[in-house]
Amino acid sequence: MIQKYFIGYKGGGDIEKYYQAITKDLHEKFGIRNLSLRVPSHCTLKYPFELDDTSDIENRINEFLADRFPIEFLIEGFGTFDDNHKTIFLSPTHTDALDAFVEDFIISLGDLNEKEKFNPKGFRLHISVARHLTEETFLEVWNYLNTLSRPHFVLSFDNITLFILEDNVWRVKKTFLLKR
């Protein structure tokens, strides 16, 4: 049976608690979707795709991670895409090591099927906290977030997680850990 998946880094601990709290707060203040009710905190590595069998993709992930170690990175503040004021996210700082890891991973996946082509160029890691905003709501939410303490988290990019869409909620299908 064909199902929908995406691949990402899954946050946990303090970043997950913050993500749940901020998405709930934005929902209550601005009436926007509480993203944490639909998907755990994550940095998307591969946007949603459809497959009937994940064994090949799971093998590719395992092969890629065979000699990889966790990479420390920071979340420092909020961001938005330059050309799109419809999404606001927690913004990871970029390091050469993390950027190279992400690009190598995306390239290693190749094409999942004929409809899915991977393009690592222009890719930006992020943890969305508000999506599908109108221009007016974007400005209200952005201004509000800028009144809050700037989020700061030290994280370890220590997993790649395969998420599956079930009953309109993204759930963890399988988490692959990097070497410790």
N, C-alpha and C. Protein backbone atom coordinates (compact mmCIF):
# COMPACT_ATOMS: atom_id res chain seq x y z
N MET A 1 0.84 -1.19 0.00
CA MET A 1 0.00 0.00 0.00
C MET A 1 0.89 1.25 0.00
N ILE A 2 0.61 2.17 -0.87
CA ILE A 2 1.37 3.40 -0.95
C ILE A 2 1.00 4.30 0.22
N GLN A 3 2.04 4.79 0.90
CA GLN A 3 1.84 5.70 2.03
C GLN A 3 2.76 6.90 1.88
N LYS A 4 2.46 7.94 2.65
CA LYS A 4 3.22 9.19 2.57
C LYS A 4 4.22 9.24 3.72
N TYR A 5 5.46 9.68 3.39
CA TYR A 5 6.56 9.75 4.34
C TYR A 5 7.31 11.06 4.17
N PHE A 6 8.08 11.42 5.18
CA PHE A 6 9.15 12.40 5.01
C PHE A 6 10.30 12.00 5.92
N ILE A 7 11.46 12.56 5.65
CA ILE A 7 12.66 12.22 6.41
C ILE A 7 13.18 13.49 7.08
N GLY A 8 13.56 13.37 8.35
CA GLY A 8 14.06 14.54 9.05
C GLY A 8 14.89 14.18 10.27
N TYR A 9 15.43 15.23 10.86
CA TYR A 9 16.06 15.13 12.18
C TYR A 9 14.95 15.37 13.18
N LYS A 10 14.77 14.49 14.14
CA LYS A 10 13.73 14.67 15.15
C LYS A 10 14.33 15.28 16.40
N GLY A 11 13.77 16.42 16.79
CA GLY A 11 14.17 17.06 18.04
C GLY A 11 13.60 16.29 19.22
N GLY A 12 14.13 16.54 20.37
CA GLY A 12 13.63 15.90 21.59
C GLY A 12 13.94 16.79 22.77
N GLY A 13 13.62 16.32 23.95
CA GLY A 13 13.97 17.03 25.18
C GLY A 13 13.47 18.46 25.22
N ASP A 14 14.36 19.39 25.55
CA ASP A 14 13.98 20.80 25.72
C ASP A 14 13.45 21.45 24.45
N ILE A 15 14.02 21.09 23.29
CA ILE A 15 13.54 21.71 22.05
C ILE A 15 12.13 21.24 21.74
N GLU A 16 11.81 19.99 22.04
CA GLU A 16 10.45 19.49 21.82
C GLU A 16 9.47 20.20 22.75
N LYS A 17 9.85 20.38 24.01
CA LYS A 17 8.98 21.09 24.96
C LYS A 17 8.76 22.54 24.51
N TYR A 18 9.81 23.20 24.07
CA TYR A 18 9.69 24.58 23.60
C TYR A 18 8.80 24.65 22.36
N TYR A 19 9.02 23.75 21.43
CA TYR A 19 8.22 23.68 20.20
C TYR A 19 6.74 23.50 20.53
N GLN A 20 6.43 22.58 21.42
CA GLN A 20 5.03 22.36 21.81
C GLN A 20 4.45 23.62 22.45
N ALA A 21 5.21 24.26 23.32
CA ALA A 21 4.72 25.46 24.02
C ALA A 21 4.53 26.63 23.05
N ILE A 22 5.49 26.87 22.16
CA ILE A 22 5.39 28.04 21.27
C ILE A 22 4.30 27.83 20.23
N THR A 23 4.15 26.62 19.71
CA THR A 23 3.09 26.40 18.71
C THR A 23 1.71 26.49 19.35
N LYS A 24 1.60 26.04 20.59
CA LYS A 24 0.33 26.17 21.31
C LYS A 24 0.04 27.65 21.58
N ASP A 25 1.05 28.40 22.02
CA ASP A 25 0.90 29.83 22.30
C ASP A 25 0.46 30.57 21.03
N LEU A 26 1.10 30.31 19.91
CA LEU A 26 0.74 30.99 18.65
C LEU A 26 -0.68 30.62 18.21
N HIS A 27 -1.04 29.37 18.42
CA HIS A 27 -2.40 28.94 18.10
C HIS A 27 -3.43 29.71 18.94
N GLU A 28 -3.17 29.80 20.23
CA GLU A 28 -4.11 30.48 21.12
C GLU A 28 -4.18 31.98 20.87
N LYS A 29 -3.06 32.61 20.56
CA LYS A 29 -3.03 34.07 20.36
C LYS A 29 -3.49 34.50 18.97
N PHE A 30 -3.20 33.68 17.95
CA PHE A 30 -3.45 34.12 16.57
C PHE A 30 -4.40 33.19 15.79
N GLY A 31 -4.84 32.11 16.42
CA GLY A 31 -5.78 31.20 15.76
C GLY A 31 -5.16 30.41 14.62
N ILE A 32 -3.83 30.30 14.59
CA ILE A 32 -3.19 29.52 13.54
C ILE A 32 -3.06 28.07 13.99
N ARG A 33 -2.77 27.19 13.04
CA ARG A 33 -2.66 25.77 13.34
C ARG A 33 -1.55 25.51 14.36
N ASN A 34 -1.87 24.68 15.35
CA ASN A 34 -0.87 24.23 16.33
C ASN A 34 -0.12 23.07 15.68
N LEU A 35 1.04 23.37 15.13
CA LEU A 35 1.79 22.36 14.38
C LEU A 35 2.18 21.16 15.24
N SER A 36 2.37 21.37 16.54
CA SER A 36 2.82 20.27 17.39
C SER A 36 1.76 19.18 17.54
N LEU A 37 0.51 19.49 17.19
CA LEU A 37 -0.53 18.47 17.24
C LEU A 37 -0.49 17.58 15.99
N ARG A 38 0.24 18.03 14.98
CA ARG A 38 0.29 17.30 13.71
C ARG A 38 1.65 16.67 13.43
N VAL A 39 2.71 17.21 14.05
CA VAL A 39 4.05 16.68 13.76
C VAL A 39 4.99 17.05 14.91
N PRO A 40 5.88 16.13 15.32
CA PRO A 40 6.87 16.48 16.35
C PRO A 40 7.86 17.52 15.82
N SER A 41 8.63 18.12 16.72
CA SER A 41 9.67 19.06 16.28
C SER A 41 10.66 18.30 15.41
N HIS A 42 11.05 18.94 14.32
CA HIS A 42 11.94 18.27 13.37
C HIS A 42 12.56 19.28 12.41
N CYS A 43 13.65 18.92 11.82
CA CYS A 43 14.23 19.61 10.66
C CYS A 43 14.04 18.67 9.48
N THR A 44 13.29 19.09 8.51
CA THR A 44 13.04 18.26 7.33
C THR A 44 14.32 18.11 6.51
N LEU A 45 14.59 16.89 6.12
CA LEU A 45 15.70 16.59 5.22
C LEU A 45 15.19 16.21 3.84
N LYS A 46 14.03 15.59 3.79
CA LYS A 46 13.39 15.23 2.53
C LYS A 46 11.90 15.47 2.66
N TYR A 47 11.40 16.35 1.83
CA TYR A 47 9.98 16.69 1.86
C TYR A 47 9.11 15.47 1.58
N PRO A 48 7.82 15.53 1.93
CA PRO A 48 6.95 14.35 1.78
C PRO A 48 7.00 13.72 0.39
N PHE A 49 6.99 12.39 0.42
CA PHE A 49 7.02 11.57 -0.78
C PHE A 49 6.16 10.34 -0.52
N GLU A 50 5.83 9.63 -1.57
CA GLU A 50 5.00 8.43 -1.44
C GLU A 50 5.77 7.20 -1.89
N LEU A 51 5.65 6.13 -1.10
CA LEU A 51 6.25 4.84 -1.41
C LEU A 51 5.33 3.73 -0.91
N ASP A 52 5.46 2.57 -1.51
CA ASP A 52 4.71 1.42 -0.99
C ASP A 52 5.58 0.53 -0.11
N ASP A 53 6.91 0.70 -0.19
CA ASP A 53 7.83 -0.10 0.60
C ASP A 53 9.02 0.78 0.98
N THR A 54 9.35 0.83 2.25
CA THR A 54 10.45 1.70 2.71
C THR A 54 11.76 0.96 2.92
N SER A 55 11.81 -0.31 2.60
CA SER A 55 13.04 -1.07 2.89
C SER A 55 14.25 -0.49 2.15
N ASP A 56 14.10 -0.07 0.89
CA ASP A 56 15.22 0.51 0.16
C ASP A 56 15.69 1.81 0.81
N ILE A 57 14.78 2.68 1.15
CA ILE A 57 15.16 3.96 1.77
C ILE A 57 15.78 3.72 3.15
N GLU A 58 15.27 2.76 3.90
CA GLU A 58 15.85 2.43 5.20
C GLU A 58 17.28 1.90 5.03
N ASN A 59 17.50 1.08 4.01
CA ASN A 59 18.85 0.58 3.74
C ASN A 59 19.79 1.72 3.37
N ARG A 60 19.31 2.66 2.55
CA ARG A 60 20.14 3.81 2.16
C ARG A 60 20.51 4.64 3.38
N ILE A 61 19.56 4.85 4.29
CA ILE A 61 19.84 5.63 5.51
C ILE A 61 20.88 4.90 6.36
N ASN A 62 20.68 3.60 6.57
CA ASN A 62 21.65 2.82 7.36
C ASN A 62 23.04 2.86 6.75
N GLU A 63 23.13 2.72 5.44
CA GLU A 63 24.43 2.77 4.77
C GLU A 63 25.08 4.14 4.96
N PHE A 64 24.30 5.20 4.81
CA PHE A 64 24.84 6.54 4.96
C PHE A 64 25.37 6.77 6.38
N LEU A 65 24.65 6.28 7.37
CA LEU A 65 25.01 6.54 8.77
C LEU A 65 26.09 5.62 9.31
N ALA A 66 26.51 4.63 8.54
CA ALA A 66 27.45 3.62 9.04
C ALA A 66 28.71 4.22 9.63
N ASP A 67 29.20 5.33 9.08
CA ASP A 67 30.44 5.91 9.59
C ASP A 67 30.28 7.37 9.98
N ARG A 68 29.08 7.76 10.37
CA ARG A 68 28.80 9.16 10.73
C ARG A 68 28.62 9.31 12.24
N PHE A 69 29.03 10.47 12.72
CA PHE A 69 28.91 10.78 14.14
C PHE A 69 28.02 12.01 14.32
N PRO A 70 27.42 12.18 15.51
CA PRO A 70 26.57 13.35 15.76
C PRO A 70 27.33 14.66 15.55
N ILE A 71 26.59 15.68 15.17
CA ILE A 71 27.14 17.02 14.95
C ILE A 71 26.38 17.99 15.84
N GLU A 72 27.12 18.74 16.64
CA GLU A 72 26.48 19.75 17.49
C GLU A 72 26.07 20.95 16.65
N PHE A 73 24.90 21.50 16.97
CA PHE A 73 24.46 22.72 16.30
C PHE A 73 23.59 23.53 17.25
N LEU A 74 23.36 24.77 16.89
CA LEU A 74 22.60 25.69 17.74
C LEU A 74 21.30 26.10 17.05
N ILE A 75 20.29 26.31 17.88
CA ILE A 75 19.07 27.02 17.46
C ILE A 75 19.19 28.38 18.12
N GLU A 76 19.19 29.43 17.31
CA GLU A 76 19.33 30.78 17.85
C GLU A 76 18.33 31.70 17.16
N GLY A 77 17.17 31.81 17.76
CA GLY A 77 16.19 32.75 17.26
C GLY A 77 15.25 32.17 16.22
N PHE A 78 14.50 33.09 15.63
CA PHE A 78 13.49 32.74 14.63
C PHE A 78 13.96 33.21 13.26
N GLY A 79 13.43 32.60 12.25
CA GLY A 79 13.75 32.99 10.89
C GLY A 79 12.56 32.81 9.98
N THR A 80 12.74 33.26 8.75
CA THR A 80 11.75 33.09 7.71
C THR A 80 12.48 32.96 6.39
N PHE A 81 11.84 32.41 5.41
CA PHE A 81 12.44 32.31 4.09
C PHE A 81 12.40 33.68 3.43
N ASP A 82 13.48 34.05 2.80
CA ASP A 82 13.61 35.39 2.21
C ASP A 82 12.48 35.74 1.25
N ASP A 83 12.06 34.77 0.46
CA ASP A 83 11.06 35.06 -0.56
C ASP A 83 9.66 34.61 -0.17
N ASN A 84 9.49 34.19 1.08
CA ASN A 84 8.20 33.62 1.47
C ASN A 84 7.89 34.03 2.91
N HIS A 85 6.97 34.91 3.07
CA HIS A 85 6.57 35.33 4.41
C HIS A 85 5.32 34.59 4.84
N LYS A 86 5.32 33.28 4.60
CA LYS A 86 4.20 32.44 5.02
C LYS A 86 4.60 31.45 6.09
N THR A 87 5.91 31.34 6.34
CA THR A 87 6.44 30.38 7.31
C THR A 87 7.41 31.07 8.25
N ILE A 88 7.29 30.75 9.54
CA ILE A 88 8.24 31.23 10.55
C ILE A 88 8.80 29.98 11.23
N PHE A 89 10.10 29.99 11.49
CA PHE A 89 10.72 28.79 12.03
C PHE A 89 11.79 29.13 13.07
N LEU A 90 12.12 28.11 13.87
CA LEU A 90 13.29 28.16 14.73
C LEU A 90 14.48 27.96 13.81
N SER A 91 15.48 28.82 13.96
CA SER A 91 16.55 28.89 12.98
C SER A 91 17.86 28.30 13.49
N PRO A 92 18.28 27.17 12.92
CA PRO A 92 19.58 26.62 13.27
C PRO A 92 20.70 27.46 12.69
N THR A 93 21.81 27.58 13.43
CA THR A 93 22.99 28.22 12.85
C THR A 93 23.63 27.19 11.92
N HIS A 94 24.18 27.68 10.85
CA HIS A 94 24.77 26.78 9.86
C HIS A 94 26.26 26.66 10.11
N THR A 95 26.73 25.43 10.05
CA THR A 95 28.16 25.16 10.14
C THR A 95 28.54 24.38 8.89
N ASP A 96 29.79 24.45 8.53
CA ASP A 96 30.25 23.70 7.36
C ASP A 96 30.00 22.21 7.54
N ALA A 97 30.24 21.70 8.74
CA ALA A 97 30.07 20.26 9.00
C ALA A 97 28.61 19.84 8.83
N LEU A 98 27.70 20.61 9.39
CA LEU A 98 26.28 20.26 9.29
C LEU A 98 25.78 20.43 7.86
N ASP A 99 26.16 21.51 7.22
CA ASP A 99 25.73 21.72 5.82
C ASP A 99 26.24 20.60 4.92
N ALA A 100 27.49 20.17 5.11
CA ALA A 100 28.05 19.08 4.30
C ALA A 100 27.33 17.77 4.59
N PHE A 101 27.03 17.51 5.87
CA PHE A 101 26.31 16.30 6.24
C PHE A 101 24.96 16.25 5.53
N VAL A 102 24.21 17.35 5.61
CA VAL A 102 22.87 17.40 5.00
C VAL A 102 22.97 17.21 3.49
N GLU A 103 23.88 17.93 2.85
CA GLU A 103 24.01 17.79 1.39
C GLU A 103 24.41 16.37 1.01
N ASP A 104 25.37 15.80 1.72
CA ASP A 104 25.79 14.42 1.43
C ASP A 104 24.62 13.45 1.62
N PHE A 105 23.83 13.66 2.67
CA PHE A 105 22.70 12.77 2.92
C PHE A 105 21.69 12.85 1.79
N ILE A 106 21.32 14.06 1.41
CA ILE A 106 20.32 14.22 0.35
C ILE A 106 20.82 13.58 -0.95
N ILE A 107 22.07 13.80 -1.27
CA ILE A 107 22.64 13.20 -2.49
C ILE A 107 22.64 11.68 -2.37
N SER A 108 22.93 11.16 -1.17
CA SER A 108 23.01 9.70 -0.99
C SER A 108 21.67 9.02 -1.21
N LEU A 109 20.60 9.75 -1.00
CA LEU A 109 19.28 9.14 -1.19
C LEU A 109 18.97 8.90 -2.65
N GLY A 110 19.54 9.72 -3.53
CA GLY A 110 19.21 9.58 -4.94
C GLY A 110 17.75 9.88 -5.16
N ASP A 111 17.20 9.28 -6.18
CA ASP A 111 15.77 9.47 -6.49
C ASP A 111 14.98 8.34 -5.84
N LEU A 112 13.95 8.72 -5.10
CA LEU A 112 13.11 7.69 -4.47
C LEU A 112 12.23 7.01 -5.49
N ASN A 113 11.74 7.78 -6.41
CA ASN A 113 10.97 7.24 -7.51
C ASN A 113 11.04 8.25 -8.64
N GLU A 114 10.44 7.98 -9.73
CA GLU A 114 10.59 8.86 -10.89
C GLU A 114 10.03 10.25 -10.66
N LYS A 115 9.12 10.41 -9.74
CA LYS A 115 8.53 11.72 -9.46
C LYS A 115 9.35 12.53 -8.47
N GLU A 116 10.20 11.86 -7.71
CA GLU A 116 10.93 12.52 -6.63
C GLU A 116 12.39 12.74 -6.99
N LYS A 117 12.77 13.96 -7.23
CA LYS A 117 14.16 14.30 -7.52
C LYS A 117 14.71 15.09 -6.33
N PHE A 118 15.90 14.75 -5.88
CA PHE A 118 16.52 15.44 -4.76
C PHE A 118 17.39 16.58 -5.26
N ASN A 119 17.26 17.73 -4.63
CA ASN A 119 18.09 18.87 -4.99
C ASN A 119 18.56 19.55 -3.70
N PRO A 120 19.81 19.29 -3.30
CA PRO A 120 20.29 19.85 -2.03
C PRO A 120 20.60 21.34 -2.11
N LYS A 121 20.73 21.90 -3.30
CA LYS A 121 21.07 23.32 -3.42
C LYS A 121 19.91 24.18 -2.94
N GLY A 122 20.24 25.19 -2.17
CA GLY A 122 19.20 26.09 -1.67
C GLY A 122 18.41 25.54 -0.50
N PHE A 123 18.80 24.37 -0.03
CA PHE A 123 18.11 23.73 1.08
C PHE A 123 18.46 24.43 2.38
N ARG A 124 17.48 24.62 3.24
CA ARG A 124 17.72 25.31 4.51
C ARG A 124 17.07 24.54 5.65
N LEU A 125 17.88 24.09 6.59
CA LEU A 125 17.33 23.42 7.77
C LEU A 125 16.51 24.42 8.58
N HIS A 126 15.41 23.94 9.15
CA HIS A 126 14.56 24.80 9.99
C HIS A 126 13.56 23.93 10.74
N ILE A 127 13.00 24.50 11.81
CA ILE A 127 11.92 23.85 12.55
C ILE A 127 10.74 24.82 12.51
N SER A 128 9.77 24.55 11.65
CA SER A 128 8.63 25.45 11.48
C SER A 128 7.81 25.54 12.76
N VAL A 129 7.42 26.77 13.12
CA VAL A 129 6.51 26.98 14.25
C VAL A 129 5.20 27.61 13.79
N ALA A 130 5.19 28.17 12.58
CA ALA A 130 3.97 28.75 12.00
C ALA A 130 4.08 28.63 10.49
N ARG A 131 3.00 28.13 9.87
CA ARG A 131 3.01 27.92 8.42
C ARG A 131 1.71 28.39 7.80
N HIS A 132 1.76 28.60 6.50
CA HIS A 132 0.58 28.98 5.71
C HIS A 132 -0.07 30.26 6.24
N LEU A 133 0.76 31.24 6.56
CA LEU A 133 0.28 32.49 7.12
C LEU A 133 -0.07 33.48 6.01
N THR A 134 -1.09 34.30 6.28
CA THR A 134 -1.34 35.43 5.39
C THR A 134 -0.29 36.49 5.71
N GLU A 135 -0.14 37.47 4.84
CA GLU A 135 0.84 38.53 5.08
C GLU A 135 0.54 39.25 6.39
N GLU A 136 -0.74 39.52 6.64
CA GLU A 136 -1.13 40.23 7.86
C GLU A 136 -0.82 39.40 9.11
N THR A 137 -1.19 38.13 9.09
CA THR A 137 -0.93 37.26 10.24
C THR A 137 0.57 37.06 10.42
N PHE A 138 1.29 36.92 9.32
CA PHE A 138 2.74 36.79 9.41
C PHE A 138 3.33 37.96 10.19
N LEU A 139 2.94 39.18 9.84
CA LEU A 139 3.49 40.36 10.51
C LEU A 139 3.13 40.38 11.99
N GLU A 140 1.90 40.01 12.31
CA GLU A 140 1.47 39.98 13.72
C GLU A 140 2.28 38.95 14.51
N VAL A 141 2.42 37.75 13.95
CA VAL A 141 3.15 36.68 14.63
C VAL A 141 4.63 37.05 14.75
N TRP A 142 5.21 37.54 13.66
CA TRP A 142 6.63 37.92 13.65
C TRP A 142 6.92 38.99 14.70
N ASN A 143 6.07 40.01 14.75
CA ASN A 143 6.26 41.09 15.73
C ASN A 143 6.13 40.54 17.16
N TYR A 144 5.18 39.66 17.38
CA TYR A 144 5.00 39.06 18.69
C TYR A 144 6.25 38.25 19.09
N LEU A 145 6.72 37.40 18.19
CA LEU A 145 7.89 36.57 18.50
C LEU A 145 9.11 37.42 18.84
N ASN A 146 9.21 38.58 18.22
CA ASN A 146 10.34 39.46 18.49
C ASN A 146 10.26 40.16 19.85
N THR A 147 9.13 40.00 20.55
CA THR A 147 9.02 40.52 21.92
C THR A 147 9.44 39.47 22.94
N LEU A 148 9.59 38.23 22.51
CA LEU A 148 9.93 37.13 23.42
C LEU A 148 11.44 36.99 23.56
N SER A 149 11.85 36.29 24.60
CA SER A 149 13.27 35.96 24.73
C SER A 149 13.68 35.12 23.53
N ARG A 150 14.83 35.43 23.02
CA ARG A 150 15.34 34.72 21.84
C ARG A 150 15.64 33.27 22.22
N PRO A 151 15.04 32.31 21.53
CA PRO A 151 15.32 30.90 21.87
C PRO A 151 16.77 30.56 21.58
N HIS A 152 17.35 29.78 22.47
CA HIS A 152 18.75 29.34 22.31
C HIS A 152 18.85 27.91 22.81
N PHE A 153 19.20 27.01 21.92
CA PHE A 153 19.34 25.60 22.26
C PHE A 153 20.61 25.05 21.63
N VAL A 154 21.34 24.25 22.39
CA VAL A 154 22.47 23.50 21.86
C VAL A 154 21.95 22.08 21.64
N LEU A 155 21.99 21.65 20.38
CA LEU A 155 21.45 20.34 20.02
C LEU A 155 22.52 19.46 19.40
N SER A 156 22.24 18.18 19.39
CA SER A 156 23.11 17.22 18.73
C SER A 156 22.32 16.60 17.58
N PHE A 157 22.82 16.79 16.36
CA PHE A 157 22.20 16.16 15.20
C PHE A 157 22.60 14.69 15.26
N ASP A 158 21.80 13.91 15.99
CA ASP A 158 22.18 12.54 16.33
C ASP A 158 21.25 11.48 15.77
N ASN A 159 20.31 11.92 14.90
CA ASN A 159 19.39 10.94 14.34
C ASN A 159 18.89 11.40 12.98
N ILE A 160 18.45 10.43 12.22
CA ILE A 160 17.64 10.67 11.03
C ILE A 160 16.40 9.83 11.23
N THR A 161 15.25 10.46 11.07
CA THR A 161 13.99 9.80 11.38
C THR A 161 13.10 9.75 10.15
N LEU A 162 12.50 8.60 9.95
CA LEU A 162 11.51 8.40 8.89
C LEU A 162 10.14 8.58 9.52
N PHE A 163 9.40 9.58 9.04
CA PHE A 163 8.06 9.86 9.54
C PHE A 163 7.03 9.32 8.55
N ILE A 164 5.89 8.87 9.08
CA ILE A 164 4.80 8.36 8.25
C ILE A 164 3.52 9.14 8.59
N LEU A 165 2.73 9.42 7.58
CA LEU A 165 1.46 10.11 7.78
C LEU A 165 0.37 9.08 8.05
N GLU A 166 -0.22 9.16 9.27
CA GLU A 166 -1.30 8.27 9.67
C GLU A 166 -2.41 9.11 10.29
N ASP A 167 -3.61 8.99 9.74
CA ASP A 167 -4.76 9.75 10.24
C ASP A 167 -4.45 11.25 10.29
N ASN A 168 -3.78 11.74 9.25
CA ASN A 168 -3.46 13.16 9.09
C ASN A 168 -2.50 13.69 10.17
N VAL A 169 -1.75 12.79 10.81
CA VAL A 169 -0.75 13.16 11.80
C VAL A 169 0.55 12.45 11.42
N TRP A 170 1.66 13.21 11.44
CA TRP A 170 2.96 12.62 11.16
C TRP A 170 3.48 11.93 12.41
N ARG A 171 3.78 10.66 12.29
CA ARG A 171 4.29 9.86 13.41
C ARG A 171 5.65 9.28 13.03
N VAL A 172 6.42 8.91 14.03
CA VAL A 172 7.72 8.29 13.79
C VAL A 172 7.50 6.85 13.33
N LYS A 173 8.01 6.53 12.16
CA LYS A 173 8.02 5.14 11.70
C LYS A 173 9.28 4.45 12.21
N LYS A 174 10.44 5.15 12.04
CA LYS A 174 11.69 4.55 12.50
C LYS A 174 12.72 5.66 12.67
N THR A 175 13.50 5.56 13.75
CA THR A 175 14.59 6.49 14.00
C THR A 175 15.91 5.75 13.87
N PHE A 176 16.82 6.36 13.10
CA PHE A 176 18.15 5.81 12.86
C PHE A 176 19.13 6.71 13.61
N LEU A 177 19.90 6.12 14.54
CA LEU A 177 20.82 6.91 15.36
C LEU A 177 22.21 6.94 14.75
N LEU A 178 22.86 8.10 14.88
CA LEU A 178 24.25 8.21 14.47
C LEU A 178 25.11 7.57 15.55
N LYS A 179 26.32 7.20 15.18
CA LYS A 179 27.25 6.59 16.14
C LYS A 179 27.46 7.52 17.33
N ARG A 180 27.70 6.97 18.46
CA ARG A 180 27.97 7.75 19.67
C ARG A 180 29.44 7.80 19.94
